[in-house]
């Protein structure tokens, strides 16, 4: 792979980085609404890049490679990390078949999304050419997680936002690793309704909409988004938590949301498409749900939609009914 900036966004980003302005224009992913224009100070982006480079021992002799879109903060920060460290940087357009032309070039850190790991896991000829995988953009499916662990691949799940100049915490994908651990100079704290607060030294505090269990000021795990919490019969349930439990048993695309319910206030429902479950009976799905979930988490019904609405970076929009 040639270390060239073969993408207009990267060329413009590099140009902007060295101009006289003190910030870079970024756009949020639009996971929970319309993507926002966000100006991030170059000083904060530099500090973020240095934290990641220190964690992965990235220096001028290293090679960074991005398989994700430079339109979002994760892709942008791969270039910034190469600039501040002097590391070689390469890029390929996002696809479901990444790293198809790595040849004999060793890559110290590659950024990918979970769906790209499916292809990587199926191609062992890639594995010895990569030192570390930085996985972001969405939660890692339990089957992908297990496969990564079984194959002994060094991978890290990231947590962060556009506003925080990419990830503020990492969690290695390995047995027994449940907690995200913050990078140096970053601490977390609870704010309203146990939402996660983030304090970045030398910058500012950020208040998120993620409900978190905080183990210490440097470790936490995410239970779900406050926007998505379902209050059913006085019990608060987290759709993301239900999905994590069911993903190991339901081999089709779905998401959990709610419907207004006269008796329960809100009832839990499972949403999928007709062709996703054409070979699976509803009875079997409910049987798996009852065996896997606590009673108040079990979906009251299955809703079929023609297709899932997606955000700009490919995440499913969690519609309520």
C-alpha atoms as a PDB file:
ATOM      1  CA  UNK A   1       0.000   0.000   0.000  1.00  0.00           C
ATOM      2  CA  UNK A   2       1.381   3.409  -0.910  1.00  0.00           C
ATOM      3  CA  UNK A   3       1.379   6.004   1.896  1.00  0.00           C
ATOM      4  CA  UNK A   4      -0.526   8.589  -0.124  1.00  0.00           C
ATOM      5  CA  UNK A   5      -3.625  10.635   0.605  1.00  0.00           C
ATOM      6  CA  UNK A   6      -5.796   9.177  -2.134  1.00  0.00           C
ATOM      7  CA  UNK A   7      -8.967  10.799  -0.864  1.00  0.00           C
ATOM      8  CA  UNK A   8     -10.132  14.406  -1.217  1.00  0.00           C
ATOM      9  CA  UNK A   9     -11.314  14.512   2.395  1.00  0.00           C
ATOM     10  CA  UNK A  10      -7.890  13.497   3.671  1.00  0.00           C
ATOM     11  CA  UNK A  11      -6.148  15.973   1.378  1.00  0.00           C
ATOM     12  CA  UNK A  12      -8.405  18.779   2.599  1.00  0.00           C
ATOM     13  CA  UNK A  13      -7.952  17.690   6.223  1.00  0.00           C
ATOM     14  CA  UNK A  14      -4.177  17.743   5.899  1.00  0.00           C
ATOM     15  CA  UNK A  15      -4.367  21.181   4.296  1.00  0.00           C
ATOM     16  CA  UNK A  16      -6.643  22.462   7.073  1.00  0.00           C
ATOM     17  CA  UNK A  17      -4.400  21.004   9.755  1.00  0.00           C
ATOM     18  CA  UNK A  18      -1.486  23.166   8.687  1.00  0.00           C
ATOM     19  CA  UNK A  19      -3.416  26.385   8.067  1.00  0.00           C
ATOM     20  CA  UNK A  20      -3.700  29.264  10.558  1.00  0.00           C
ATOM     21  CA  UNK A  21      -7.053  28.235  12.075  1.00  0.00           C
ATOM     22  CA  UNK A  22      -7.177  26.787  15.578  1.00  0.00           C
ATOM     23  CA  UNK A  23      -9.944  24.210  14.948  1.00  0.00           C
ATOM     24  CA  UNK A  24     -11.137  21.557  12.498  1.00  0.00           C
ATOM     25  CA  UNK A  25     -14.713  21.206  11.234  1.00  0.00           C
ATOM     26  CA  UNK A  26     -16.131  17.739  11.930  1.00  0.00           C
ATOM     27  CA  UNK A  27     -19.598  16.208  11.656  1.00  0.00           C
ATOM     28  CA  UNK A  28     -21.278  13.932  14.160  1.00  0.00           C
ATOM     29  CA  UNK A  29     -22.401  10.500  12.983  1.00  0.00           C
ATOM     30  CA  UNK A  30     -26.114  11.259  13.220  1.00  0.00           C
ATOM     31  CA  UNK A  31     -26.737   8.166  15.346  1.00  0.00           C
ATOM     32  CA  UNK A  32     -29.470   9.900  17.318  1.00  0.00           C
ATOM     33  CA  UNK A  33     -30.562  12.620  14.933  1.00  0.00           C
ATOM     34  CA  UNK A  34     -29.368  14.950  12.203  1.00  0.00           C
ATOM     35  CA  UNK A  35     -25.534  15.095  11.957  1.00  0.00           C
ATOM     36  CA  UNK A  36     -24.148  18.222  13.616  1.00  0.00           C
ATOM     37  CA  UNK A  37     -21.318  20.520  12.536  1.00  0.00           C
ATOM     38  CA  UNK A  38     -18.736  20.543  15.318  1.00  0.00           C
ATOM     39  CA  UNK A  39     -15.532  22.586  15.461  1.00  0.00           C
ATOM     40  CA  UNK A  40     -12.870  20.759  17.465  1.00  0.00           C
ATOM     41  CA  UNK A  41      -9.748  22.599  18.664  1.00  0.00           C
ATOM     42  CA  UNK A  42      -6.555  21.348  17.038  1.00  0.00           C
ATOM     43  CA  UNK A  43      -4.988  21.389  20.495  1.00  0.00           C
ATOM     44  CA  UNK A  44      -7.606  18.876  21.717  1.00  0.00           C
ATOM     45  CA  UNK A  45      -7.178  16.685  18.628  1.00  0.00           C
ATOM     46  CA  UNK A  46      -3.411  16.691  19.114  1.00  0.00           C
ATOM     47  CA  UNK A  47      -3.796  15.628  22.754  1.00  0.00           C
ATOM     48  CA  UNK A  48      -6.218  12.861  21.753  1.00  0.00           C
ATOM     49  CA  UNK A  49      -3.859  11.622  19.043  1.00  0.00           C
ATOM     50  CA  UNK A  50      -0.902  11.568  21.428  1.00  0.00           C
ATOM     51  CA  UNK A  51      -2.860   9.563  24.014  1.00  0.00           C
ATOM     52  CA  UNK A  52      -3.676   6.893  21.446  1.00  0.00           C
ATOM     53  CA  UNK A  53      -0.135   6.845  20.073  1.00  0.00           C
ATOM     54  CA  UNK A  54       1.224   6.371  23.594  1.00  0.00           C
ATOM     55  CA  UNK A  55      -1.219   3.536  24.292  1.00  0.00           C
ATOM     56  CA  UNK A  56      -0.264   1.630  21.119  1.00  0.00           C
ATOM     57  CA  UNK A  57       3.423   2.662  21.129  1.00  0.00           C
ATOM     58  CA  UNK A  58       3.071   4.468  17.795  1.00  0.00           C
ATOM     59  CA  UNK A  59       6.140   6.399  16.609  1.00  0.00           C
ATOM     60  CA  UNK A  60       7.883   7.514  13.429  1.00  0.00           C
ATOM     61  CA  UNK A  61       8.717   3.927  12.474  1.00  0.00           C
ATOM     62  CA  UNK A  62       5.081   2.786  12.780  1.00  0.00           C
ATOM     63  CA  UNK A  63       2.457   2.273  10.079  1.00  0.00           C
ATOM     64  CA  UNK A  64      -1.177   3.385  10.562  1.00  0.00           C
ATOM     65  CA  UNK A  65      -3.924   2.324   8.167  1.00  0.00           C
ATOM     66  CA  UNK A  66      -7.579   3.383   7.982  1.00  0.00           C
ATOM     67  CA  UNK A  67     -10.407   1.276   6.570  1.00  0.00           C
ATOM     68  CA  UNK A  68     -13.109   3.684   7.740  1.00  0.00           C
ATOM     69  CA  UNK A  69     -14.586   6.830   6.286  1.00  0.00           C
ATOM     70  CA  UNK A  70     -12.604  10.079   6.706  1.00  0.00           C
ATOM     71  CA  UNK A  71     -15.952  11.879   6.803  1.00  0.00           C
ATOM     72  CA  UNK A  72     -16.227  10.955  10.493  1.00  0.00           C
ATOM     73  CA  UNK A  73     -13.983  11.628  13.471  1.00  0.00           C
ATOM     74  CA  UNK A  74     -12.542   8.097  13.677  1.00  0.00           C
ATOM     75  CA  UNK A  75     -11.184   8.308  10.147  1.00  0.00           C
ATOM     76  CA  UNK A  76      -9.933  11.869  10.564  1.00  0.00           C
ATOM     77  CA  UNK A  77      -8.043  11.036  13.743  1.00  0.00           C
ATOM     78  CA  UNK A  78      -6.053   8.254  12.047  1.00  0.00           C
ATOM     79  CA  UNK A  79      -4.434  10.889   9.832  1.00  0.00           C
ATOM     80  CA  UNK A  80      -3.871  13.242  12.791  1.00  0.00           C
ATOM     81  CA  UNK A  81      -2.190  10.409  14.722  1.00  0.00           C
ATOM     82  CA  UNK A  82       0.188   9.876  11.836  1.00  0.00           C
ATOM     83  CA  UNK A  83       0.991  13.584  11.633  1.00  0.00           C
ATOM     84  CA  UNK A  84       1.779  14.024  15.355  1.00  0.00           C
ATOM     85  CA  UNK A  85       3.806  10.784  15.557  1.00  0.00           C
ATOM     86  CA  UNK A  86       5.494  10.900  12.160  1.00  0.00           C
ATOM     87  CA  UNK A  87       4.109   7.443  11.376  1.00  0.00           C
ATOM     88  CA  UNK A  88       3.392   6.235   7.856  1.00  0.00           C
ATOM     89  CA  UNK A  89      -0.270   6.554   6.928  1.00  0.00           C
ATOM     90  CA  UNK A  90      -2.298   4.659   4.335  1.00  0.00           C
ATOM     91  CA  UNK A  91      -5.987   4.600   3.557  1.00  0.00           C
ATOM     92  CA  UNK A  92      -8.458   2.501   1.611  1.00  0.00           C
ATOM     93  CA  UNK A  93     -12.084   3.359   0.764  1.00  0.00           C
ATOM     94  CA  UNK A  94     -14.515   1.734   3.228  1.00  0.00           C
ATOM     95  CA  UNK A  95     -15.761  -1.670   2.071  1.00  0.00           C
ATOM     96  CA  UNK A  96     -16.947  -4.997   3.457  1.00  0.00           C
ATOM     97  CA  UNK A  97     -13.721  -6.622   2.203  1.00  0.00           C
ATOM     98  CA  UNK A  98     -10.930  -4.596   3.812  1.00  0.00           C
ATOM     99  CA  UNK A  99      -7.192  -5.213   3.740  1.00  0.00           C
ATOM    100  CA  UNK A 100      -7.248  -7.124   0.482  1.00  0.00           C
ATOM    101  CA  UNK A 101      -3.948  -5.653  -0.733  1.00  0.00           C
ATOM    102  CA  UNK A 102      -1.679  -5.468   2.290  1.00  0.00           C
ATOM    103  CA  UNK A 103       1.009  -7.637   0.618  1.00  0.00           C
ATOM    104  CA  UNK A 104       3.979  -7.931   3.009  1.00  0.00           C
ATOM    105  CA  UNK A 105       3.586  -4.505   4.598  1.00  0.00           C
ATOM    106  CA  UNK A 106       3.215  -4.712   8.399  1.00  0.00           C
ATOM    107  CA  UNK A 107       0.591  -2.397   9.936  1.00  0.00           C
ATOM    108  CA  UNK A 108       0.912  -1.463  13.608  1.00  0.00           C
ATOM    109  CA  UNK A 109      -2.637  -0.118  14.003  1.00  0.00           C
ATOM    110  CA  UNK A 110      -5.630  -0.399  11.687  1.00  0.00           C
ATOM    111  CA  UNK A 111      -9.031   1.211  12.265  1.00  0.00           C
ATOM    112  CA  UNK A 112     -12.118  -0.793  11.301  1.00  0.00           C
ATOM    113  CA  UNK A 113     -15.825  -1.123  12.114  1.00  0.00           C
ATOM    114  CA  UNK A 114     -17.260  -4.391  13.499  1.00  0.00           C
ATOM    115  CA  UNK A 115     -18.756  -5.568  10.196  1.00  0.00           C
ATOM    116  CA  UNK A 116     -15.330  -5.351   8.535  1.00  0.00           C
ATOM    117  CA  UNK A 117     -13.955  -7.737  11.149  1.00  0.00           C
ATOM    118  CA  UNK A 118     -16.173 -10.485   9.714  1.00  0.00           C
ATOM    119  CA  UNK A 119     -14.134 -10.491   6.482  1.00  0.00           C
ATOM    120  CA  UNK A 120     -10.838 -10.189   8.358  1.00  0.00           C
ATOM    121  CA  UNK A 121     -11.670 -13.149  10.596  1.00  0.00           C
ATOM    122  CA  UNK A 122     -12.338 -15.273   7.509  1.00  0.00           C
ATOM    123  CA  UNK A 123      -8.906 -14.505   6.000  1.00  0.00           C
ATOM    124  CA  UNK A 124      -6.041 -15.744   8.208  1.00  0.00           C
ATOM    125  CA  UNK A 125      -3.481 -14.555   5.648  1.00  0.00           C
ATOM    126  CA  UNK A 126      -4.212 -11.036   6.937  1.00  0.00           C
ATOM    127  CA  UNK A 127      -3.653 -11.683  10.632  1.00  0.00           C
ATOM    128  CA  UNK A 128       0.155 -11.731  10.825  1.00  0.00           C
ATOM    129  CA  UNK A 129       0.339  -8.391   9.006  1.00  0.00           C
ATOM    130  CA  UNK A 130      -1.605  -6.455  11.651  1.00  0.00           C
ATOM    131  CA  UNK A 131      -0.396  -5.553  15.132  1.00  0.00           C
ATOM    132  CA  UNK A 132      -3.577  -4.083  16.610  1.00  0.00           C
ATOM    133  CA  UNK A 133      -7.156  -3.533  15.484  1.00  0.00           C
ATOM    134  CA  UNK A 134      -8.969  -0.414  16.672  1.00  0.00           C
ATOM    135  CA  UNK A 135     -12.702  -1.163  16.395  1.00  0.00           C
ATOM    136  CA  UNK A 136     -15.268   1.630  16.581  1.00  0.00           C
ATOM    137  CA  UNK A 137     -18.533   2.920  15.191  1.00  0.00           C
ATOM    138  CA  UNK A 138     -20.831   0.338  16.798  1.00  0.00           C
ATOM    139  CA  UNK A 139     -20.974  -2.376  19.456  1.00  0.00           C
ATOM    140  CA  UNK A 140     -19.209  -5.629  18.612  1.00  0.00           C
ATOM    141  CA  UNK A 141     -21.569  -8.569  18.074  1.00  0.00           C
ATOM    142  CA  UNK A 142     -20.943 -11.400  20.597  1.00  0.00           C
ATOM    143  CA  UNK A 143     -20.167 -13.854  17.771  1.00  0.00           C
ATOM    144  CA  UNK A 144     -17.526 -11.501  16.343  1.00  0.00           C
ATOM    145  CA  UNK A 145     -16.120 -10.953  19.832  1.00  0.00           C
ATOM    146  CA  UNK A 146     -15.852 -14.706  20.461  1.00  0.00           C
ATOM    147  CA  UNK A 147     -14.203 -15.239  17.080  1.00  0.00           C
ATOM    148  CA  UNK A 148     -11.611 -12.540  17.774  1.00  0.00           C
ATOM    149  CA  UNK A 149     -10.789 -14.118  21.142  1.00  0.00           C
ATOM    150  CA  UNK A 150     -10.649 -17.674  19.769  1.00  0.00           C
ATOM    151  CA  UNK A 151      -8.219 -16.638  17.026  1.00  0.00           C
ATOM    152  CA  UNK A 152      -5.973 -14.686  19.387  1.00  0.00           C
ATOM    153  CA  UNK A 153      -6.300 -11.434  17.476  1.00  0.00           C
ATOM    154  CA  UNK A 154      -5.225  -8.272  19.300  1.00  0.00           C
ATOM    155  CA  UNK A 155      -8.238  -5.974  19.078  1.00  0.00           C
ATOM    156  CA  UNK A 156      -9.589  -3.054  21.099  1.00  0.00           C
ATOM    157  CA  UNK A 157     -13.135  -1.722  21.268  1.00  0.00           C
ATOM    158  CA  UNK A 158     -13.310   2.061  21.512  1.00  0.00           C
ATOM    159  CA  UNK A 159     -15.706   4.417  23.261  1.00  0.00           C
ATOM    160  CA  UNK A 160     -15.955   8.087  22.386  1.00  0.00           C
ATOM    161  CA  UNK A 161     -17.768  10.750  20.424  1.00  0.00           C
ATOM    162  CA  UNK A 162     -17.062  13.308  17.746  1.00  0.00           C
ATOM    163  CA  UNK A 163     -17.228  15.990  20.455  1.00  0.00           C
ATOM    164  CA  UNK A 164     -14.419  14.324  22.458  1.00  0.00           C
ATOM    165  CA  UNK A 165     -12.099  14.095  19.421  1.00  0.00           C
ATOM    166  CA  UNK A 166     -12.599  10.335  19.012  1.00  0.00           C
ATOM    167  CA  UNK A 167     -12.260   7.701  21.735  1.00  0.00           C
ATOM    168  CA  UNK A 168     -11.651   8.501  25.371  1.00  0.00           C
ATOM    169  CA  UNK A 169     -11.530   4.878  26.533  1.00  0.00           C
ATOM    170  CA  UNK A 170     -10.592   1.436  25.200  1.00  0.00           C
ATOM    171  CA  UNK A 171     -11.531  -2.130  26.084  1.00  0.00           C
ATOM    172  CA  UNK A 172      -9.425  -5.037  24.878  1.00  0.00           C
ATOM    173  CA  UNK A 173     -11.453  -7.809  23.260  1.00  0.00           C
ATOM    174  CA  UNK A 174     -10.560 -10.715  25.507  1.00  0.00           C
ATOM    175  CA  UNK A 175     -12.171 -13.015  28.084  1.00  0.00           C
ATOM    176  CA  UNK A 176     -13.057 -11.312  31.344  1.00  0.00           C
ATOM    177  CA  UNK A 177     -12.608  -7.764  30.046  1.00  0.00           C
ATOM    178  CA  UNK A 178     -15.923  -6.018  30.737  1.00  0.00           C
ATOM    179  CA  UNK A 179     -14.846  -2.481  31.554  1.00  0.00           C
ATOM    180  CA  UNK A 180     -13.752   0.354  29.303  1.00  0.00           C
ATOM    181  CA  UNK A 181     -10.597   1.978  30.698  1.00  0.00           C
ATOM    182  CA  UNK A 182      -9.996   5.672  30.129  1.00  0.00           C
ATOM    183  CA  UNK A 183      -6.818   6.964  28.519  1.00  0.00           C
ATOM    184  CA  UNK A 184      -4.402   9.145  30.552  1.00  0.00           C
ATOM    185  CA  UNK A 185      -5.767  12.553  31.518  1.00  0.00           C
ATOM    186  CA  UNK A 186      -9.401  11.433  31.211  1.00  0.00           C
ATOM    187  CA  UNK A 187     -11.816  10.564  34.015  1.00  0.00           C
ATOM    188  CA  UNK A 188     -15.521   9.736  34.122  1.00  0.00           C
ATOM    189  CA  UNK A 189     -18.290  10.649  36.567  1.00  0.00           C
ATOM    190  CA  UNK A 190     -22.069  10.143  36.907  1.00  0.00           C
ATOM    191  CA  UNK A 191     -24.466  12.947  36.148  1.00  0.00           C
ATOM    192  CA  UNK A 192     -28.278  13.083  35.801  1.00  0.00           C
ATOM    193  CA  UNK A 193     -29.956   9.629  35.841  1.00  0.00           C
ATOM    194  CA  UNK A 194     -26.579   7.844  35.871  1.00  0.00           C
ATOM    195  CA  UNK A 195     -25.611   9.252  32.499  1.00  0.00           C
ATOM    196  CA  UNK A 196     -21.905   9.191  31.796  1.00  0.00           C
ATOM    197  CA  UNK A 197     -19.895  12.358  32.301  1.00  0.00           C
ATOM    198  CA  UNK A 198     -16.425  12.711  30.791  1.00  0.00           C
ATOM    199  CA  UNK A 199     -13.704  15.057  32.069  1.00  0.00           C
ATOM    200  CA  UNK A 200     -10.771  15.682  29.729  1.00  0.00           C
ATOM    201  CA  UNK A 201      -7.815  17.330  31.422  1.00  0.00           C
ATOM    202  CA  UNK A 202      -6.903  20.683  29.903  1.00  0.00           C
ATOM    203  CA  UNK A 203     -10.120  20.885  27.891  1.00  0.00           C
ATOM    204  CA  UNK A 204     -13.610  20.533  29.427  1.00  0.00           C
ATOM    205  CA  UNK A 205     -16.364  18.230  30.731  1.00  0.00           C
ATOM    206  CA  UNK A 206     -18.774  16.405  28.434  1.00  0.00           C
ATOM    207  CA  UNK A 207     -22.212  15.137  29.450  1.00  0.00           C
ATOM    208  CA  UNK A 208     -23.402  12.164  27.408  1.00  0.00           C
ATOM    209  CA  UNK A 209     -26.760  10.478  26.948  1.00  0.00           C
ATOM    210  CA  UNK A 210     -25.275   7.053  27.665  1.00  0.00           C
ATOM    211  CA  UNK A 211     -26.395   5.311  30.860  1.00  0.00           C
ATOM    212  CA  UNK A 212     -23.277   3.877  32.457  1.00  0.00           C
ATOM    213  CA  UNK A 213     -22.200   1.687  35.339  1.00  0.00           C
ATOM    214  CA  UNK A 214     -19.096   3.383  36.719  1.00  0.00           C
ATOM    215  CA  UNK A 215     -16.559   1.137  38.426  1.00  0.00           C
ATOM    216  CA  UNK A 216     -14.069   3.918  39.175  1.00  0.00           C
ATOM    217  CA  UNK A 217     -13.147   7.317  37.754  1.00  0.00           C
ATOM    218  CA  UNK A 218     -11.131   5.438  35.133  1.00  0.00           C
ATOM    219  CA  UNK A 219     -13.398   2.490  34.255  1.00  0.00           C
ATOM    220  CA  UNK A 220     -17.007   2.047  33.203  1.00  0.00           C
ATOM    221  CA  UNK A 221     -19.378   0.092  31.001  1.00  0.00           C
ATOM    222  CA  UNK A 222     -22.311   1.291  28.958  1.00  0.00           C
ATOM    223  CA  UNK A 223     -25.813  -0.054  29.656  1.00  0.00           C
ATOM    224  CA  UNK A 224     -27.618   1.866  26.904  1.00  0.00           C
ATOM    225  CA  UNK A 225     -28.674   5.302  25.730  1.00  0.00           C
ATOM    226  CA  UNK A 226     -31.008   7.376  27.881  1.00  0.00           C
ATOM    227  CA  UNK A 227     -32.968   8.205  24.720  1.00  0.00           C
ATOM    228  CA  UNK A 228     -33.719   4.502  24.243  1.00  0.00           C
ATOM    229  CA  UNK A 229     -34.672   3.469  27.792  1.00  0.00           C
ATOM    230  CA  UNK A 230     -38.034   1.669  27.932  1.00  0.00           C
ATOM    231  CA  UNK A 231     -40.195   2.096  31.033  1.00  0.00           C
ATOM    232  CA  UNK A 232     -42.460  -0.934  31.120  1.00  0.00           C
ATOM    233  CA  UNK A 233     -44.654  -1.485  34.177  1.00  0.00           C
ATOM    234  CA  UNK A 234     -42.296   0.610  36.308  1.00  0.00           C
ATOM    235  CA  UNK A 235     -39.210  -1.349  35.192  1.00  0.00           C
ATOM    236  CA  UNK A 236     -36.498   0.411  33.179  1.00  0.00           C
ATOM    237  CA  UNK A 237     -34.951  -1.770  30.494  1.00  0.00           C
ATOM    238  CA  UNK A 238     -32.198  -1.043  28.014  1.00  0.00           C
ATOM    239  CA  UNK A 239     -32.744  -2.151  24.406  1.00  0.00           C
ATOM    240  CA  UNK A 240     -28.988  -2.438  23.810  1.00  0.00           C
ATOM    241  CA  UNK A 241     -28.646  -4.814  26.758  1.00  0.00           C
ATOM    242  CA  UNK A 242     -31.499  -7.002  25.474  1.00  0.00           C
ATOM    243  CA  UNK A 243     -29.923  -7.073  22.012  1.00  0.00           C
ATOM    244  CA  UNK A 244     -26.574  -8.137  23.445  1.00  0.00           C
ATOM    245  CA  UNK A 245     -28.220 -11.059  25.239  1.00  0.00           C
ATOM    246  CA  UNK A 246     -30.234 -12.177  22.197  1.00  0.00           C
ATOM    247  CA  UNK A 247     -27.507 -11.725  19.596  1.00  0.00           C
ATOM    248  CA  UNK A 248     -25.873 -14.968  20.687  1.00  0.00           C
ATOM    249  CA  UNK A 249     -29.059 -16.905  19.846  1.00  0.00           C
ATOM    250  CA  UNK A 250     -30.890 -15.020  17.086  1.00  0.00           C
ATOM    251  CA  UNK A 251     -29.040 -15.303  13.792  1.00  0.00           C
ATOM    252  CA  UNK A 252     -30.824 -12.494  11.958  1.00  0.00           C
ATOM    253  CA  UNK A 253     -30.917  -8.693  11.977  1.00  0.00           C
ATOM    254  CA  UNK A 254     -33.259  -7.072  14.481  1.00  0.00           C
ATOM    255  CA  UNK A 255     -33.468  -4.305  17.021  1.00  0.00           C
ATOM    256  CA  UNK A 256     -35.394  -3.739  20.245  1.00  0.00           C
ATOM    257  CA  UNK A 257     -37.651  -0.752  20.791  1.00  0.00           C
ATOM    258  CA  UNK A 258     -41.007   0.053  22.391  1.00  0.00           C
ATOM    259  CA  UNK A 259     -44.665   0.629  21.635  1.00  0.00           C
ATOM    260  CA  UNK A 260     -47.066   2.739  23.695  1.00  0.00           C
ATOM    261  CA  UNK A 261     -49.100   0.396  25.896  1.00  0.00           C
ATOM    262  CA  UNK A 262     -52.250   1.252  27.884  1.00  0.00           C
ATOM    263  CA  UNK A 263     -51.467  -1.287  30.611  1.00  0.00           C
ATOM    264  CA  UNK A 264     -47.652  -1.148  30.851  1.00  0.00           C
ATOM    265  CA  UNK A 265     -46.963   2.411  29.693  1.00  0.00           C
ATOM    266  CA  UNK A 266     -44.517   1.037  27.154  1.00  0.00           C
ATOM    267  CA  UNK A 267     -44.133  -2.533  25.964  1.00  0.00           C
ATOM    268  CA  UNK A 268     -40.956  -4.089  24.604  1.00  0.00           C
ATOM    269  CA  UNK A 269     -41.084  -5.099  20.925  1.00  0.00           C
ATOM    270  CA  UNK A 270     -38.648  -6.782  18.558  1.00  0.00           C
ATOM    271  CA  UNK A 271     -38.383  -5.262  15.074  1.00  0.00           C
ATOM    272  CA  UNK A 272     -37.143  -7.134  12.016  1.00  0.00           C
ATOM    273  CA  UNK A 273     -37.918  -7.528   8.311  1.00  0.00           C
ATOM    274  CA  UNK A 274     -40.125 -10.268   6.822  1.00  0.00           C
ATOM    275  CA  UNK A 275     -37.269 -11.937   4.937  1.00  0.00           C
ATOM    276  CA  UNK A 276     -35.007 -11.930   7.989  1.00  0.00           C
ATOM    277  CA  UNK A 277     -37.241 -14.434   9.768  1.00  0.00           C
ATOM    278  CA  UNK A 278     -38.848 -16.303   6.886  1.00  0.00           C
ATOM    279  CA  UNK A 279     -37.208 -19.549   8.076  1.00  0.00           C
ATOM    280  CA  UNK A 280     -37.737 -18.929  11.801  1.00  0.00           C
ATOM    281  CA  UNK A 281     -41.077 -19.286  13.551  1.00  0.00           C
ATOM    282  CA  UNK A 282     -42.307 -16.576  15.901  1.00  0.00           C
ATOM    283  CA  UNK A 283     -42.881 -19.296  18.484  1.00  0.00           C
ATOM    284  CA  UNK A 284     -39.206 -20.225  18.423  1.00  0.00           C
ATOM    285  CA  UNK A 285     -38.164 -16.577  18.758  1.00  0.00           C
ATOM    286  CA  UNK A 286     -40.378 -16.057  21.798  1.00  0.00           C
ATOM    287  CA  UNK A 287     -39.094 -19.342  23.271  1.00  0.00           C
ATOM    288  CA  UNK A 288     -35.495 -18.089  22.976  1.00  0.00           C
ATOM    289  CA  UNK A 289     -36.469 -14.722  24.471  1.00  0.00           C
ATOM    290  CA  UNK A 290     -38.162 -16.295  27.481  1.00  0.00           C
ATOM    291  CA  UNK A 291     -35.164 -18.563  28.091  1.00  0.00           C
ATOM    292  CA  UNK A 292     -32.625 -15.741  27.770  1.00  0.00           C
ATOM    293  CA  UNK A 293     -34.233 -12.644  29.271  1.00  0.00           C
ATOM    294  CA  UNK A 294     -35.793 -11.654  32.570  1.00  0.00           C
ATOM    295  CA  UNK A 295     -39.616 -11.500  32.286  1.00  0.00           C
ATOM    296  CA  UNK A 296     -39.953  -7.717  31.847  1.00  0.00           C
ATOM    297  CA  UNK A 297     -37.382  -7.722  29.007  1.00  0.00           C
ATOM    298  CA  UNK A 298     -39.244 -10.291  26.883  1.00  0.00           C
ATOM    299  CA  UNK A 299     -40.772  -8.667  23.767  1.00  0.00           C
ATOM    300  CA  UNK A 300     -44.559  -8.566  23.776  1.00  0.00           C
ATOM    301  CA  UNK A 301     -44.674  -8.762  19.969  1.00  0.00           C
ATOM    302  CA  UNK A 302     -42.613  -8.970  16.789  1.00  0.00           C
ATOM    303  CA  UNK A 303     -43.023  -6.093  14.338  1.00  0.00           C
ATOM    304  CA  UNK A 304     -42.081  -6.548  10.683  1.00  0.00           C
ATOM    305  CA  UNK A 305     -40.927  -3.544   8.655  1.00  0.00           C
ATOM    306  CA  UNK A 306     -39.972  -3.455   4.977  1.00  0.00           C
ATOM    307  CA  UNK A 307     -36.476  -2.182   5.722  1.00  0.00           C
ATOM    308  CA  UNK A 308     -34.420  -0.603   8.489  1.00  0.00           C
ATOM    309  CA  UNK A 309     -33.851   3.137   8.367  1.00  0.00           C
ATOM    310  CA  UNK A 310     -30.106   3.875   8.613  1.00  0.00           C
ATOM    311  CA  UNK A 311     -28.060   6.857   9.741  1.00  0.00           C
ATOM    312  CA  UNK A 312     -25.389   8.406   7.535  1.00  0.00           C
ATOM    313  CA  UNK A 313     -22.715   6.046   8.899  1.00  0.00           C
ATOM    314  CA  UNK A 314     -24.816   2.908   8.571  1.00  0.00           C
ATOM    315  CA  UNK A 315     -26.279   2.510  12.059  1.00  0.00           C
ATOM    316  CA  UNK A 316     -29.895   1.409  12.434  1.00  0.00           C
ATOM    317  CA  UNK A 317     -32.281   4.153  13.503  1.00  0.00           C
ATOM    318  CA  UNK A 318     -34.201   2.794  16.461  1.00  0.00           C
ATOM    319  CA  UNK A 319     -37.793   3.785  15.615  1.00  0.00           C
ATOM    320  CA  UNK A 320     -40.464   3.769  18.333  1.00  0.00           C
ATOM    321  CA  UNK A 321     -44.042   2.717  17.563  1.00  0.00           C
END
